[in-house]
Amino acid sequence: MNPNLSTSYVAIQTERSRLTALAERGWETEQAATPASLPLVVTMICQRAGALLILARRRLQAIPRQMQAPIT
C-alpha cells in the first residue's frame, strides 16, 4: 500500500471516529437535558390529580350521608 494512501486512510478513520464521538456527546447532552422537562410534566400531573381529589372530596361532602353508598 502506498504510504500516502495509508496515511490518508488512517486520517479518514480518525476523523470518522472523532465525528462519531462528537455525535454521541451531542446525543448525551440532549438526553441529559430531557429529564429537566420531565419533572415539570410530573408536577403538572400531580397538581391536576390533587385538584381532582379535592373536587371529589367536596362533592362527596356535599352529598347527604343517606344518599351515599354504604361502605363494604
Protein backbone atom coordinates (compact mmCIF):
# COMPACT_ATOMS: atom_id res chain seq x y z
CA MET A 1 0.00 0.00 0.00
CA ASN A 2 1.25 3.46 -0.87
CA PRO A 3 2.45 5.40 2.25
CA ASN A 4 0.40 8.44 1.27
CA LEU A 5 -2.64 6.28 0.73
CA SER A 6 -2.28 4.52 4.09
CA THR A 7 -1.75 7.86 5.85
CA SER A 8 -4.85 9.23 4.18
CA TYR A 9 -6.82 6.12 5.17
CA VAL A 10 -5.73 6.44 8.81
CA ALA A 11 -6.62 10.14 8.80
CA ILE A 12 -10.08 9.39 7.43
CA GLN A 13 -10.67 6.67 10.04
CA THR A 14 -9.53 9.02 12.81
CA GLU A 15 -11.84 11.75 11.56
CA ARG A 16 -14.77 9.33 11.42
CA SER A 17 -14.20 8.16 14.96
CA ARG A 18 -13.87 11.79 16.11
CA LEU A 19 -17.15 12.73 14.43
CA THR A 20 -18.86 9.69 15.92
CA ALA A 21 -17.64 10.70 19.39
CA LEU A 22 -18.91 14.25 18.85
CA ALA A 23 -22.30 12.96 17.73
CA GLU A 24 -22.52 10.70 20.78
CA ARG A 25 -21.67 13.62 23.05
CA GLY A 26 -24.39 15.69 21.40
CA TRP A 27 -26.88 12.87 21.91
CA GLU A 28 -25.85 12.51 25.55
CA THR A 29 -26.31 16.25 26.01
CA GLU A 30 -29.81 16.07 24.56
CA GLN A 31 -30.65 13.11 26.78
CA ALA A 32 -29.31 14.90 29.84
CA ALA A 33 -31.45 17.93 29.03
CA THR A 34 -34.65 15.90 28.56
CA PRO A 35 -35.16 14.90 32.22
CA ALA A 36 -35.16 18.58 33.16
CA SER A 37 -38.53 18.96 31.46
CA LEU A 38 -39.83 15.67 32.84
CA PRO A 39 -40.28 16.89 36.45
CA LEU A 40 -42.33 19.79 35.11
CA VAL A 41 -44.71 17.37 33.42
CA VAL A 42 -44.88 15.16 36.51
CA THR A 43 -45.51 18.21 38.69
CA MET A 44 -48.35 19.35 36.44
CA ILE A 45 -49.92 15.89 36.50
CA CYS A 46 -49.67 15.73 40.30
CA GLN A 47 -51.22 19.18 40.65
CA ARG A 48 -54.14 18.23 38.43
CA ALA A 49 -54.62 14.94 40.25
CA GLY A 50 -54.60 16.77 43.57
CA ALA A 51 -57.16 19.27 42.31
CA LEU A 52 -59.40 16.45 41.12
CA LEU A 53 -59.16 14.74 44.50
CA ILE A 54 -60.10 17.96 46.26
CA LEU A 55 -63.11 18.40 43.96
CA ALA A 56 -64.16 14.79 44.54
CA ARG A 57 -63.93 15.24 48.31
CA ARG A 58 -66.07 18.40 48.16
CA ARG A 59 -68.69 16.62 46.08
CA LEU A 60 -68.79 13.68 48.46
CA GLN A 61 -69.10 16.00 51.44
CA ALA A 62 -71.98 17.82 49.75
CA ILE A 63 -73.96 14.59 49.28
CA PRO A 64 -76.07 13.70 52.34
CA ARG A 65 -74.84 10.61 54.18
CA GLN A 66 -78.03 8.67 53.45
CA MET A 67 -77.55 9.13 49.71
CA GLN A 68 -74.04 7.73 49.71
CA ALA A 69 -73.45 4.07 49.01
CA PRO A 70 -72.70 2.01 52.10
CA ILE A 71 -69.06 1.18 52.72
CA THR A 72 -68.49 -2.55 52.34
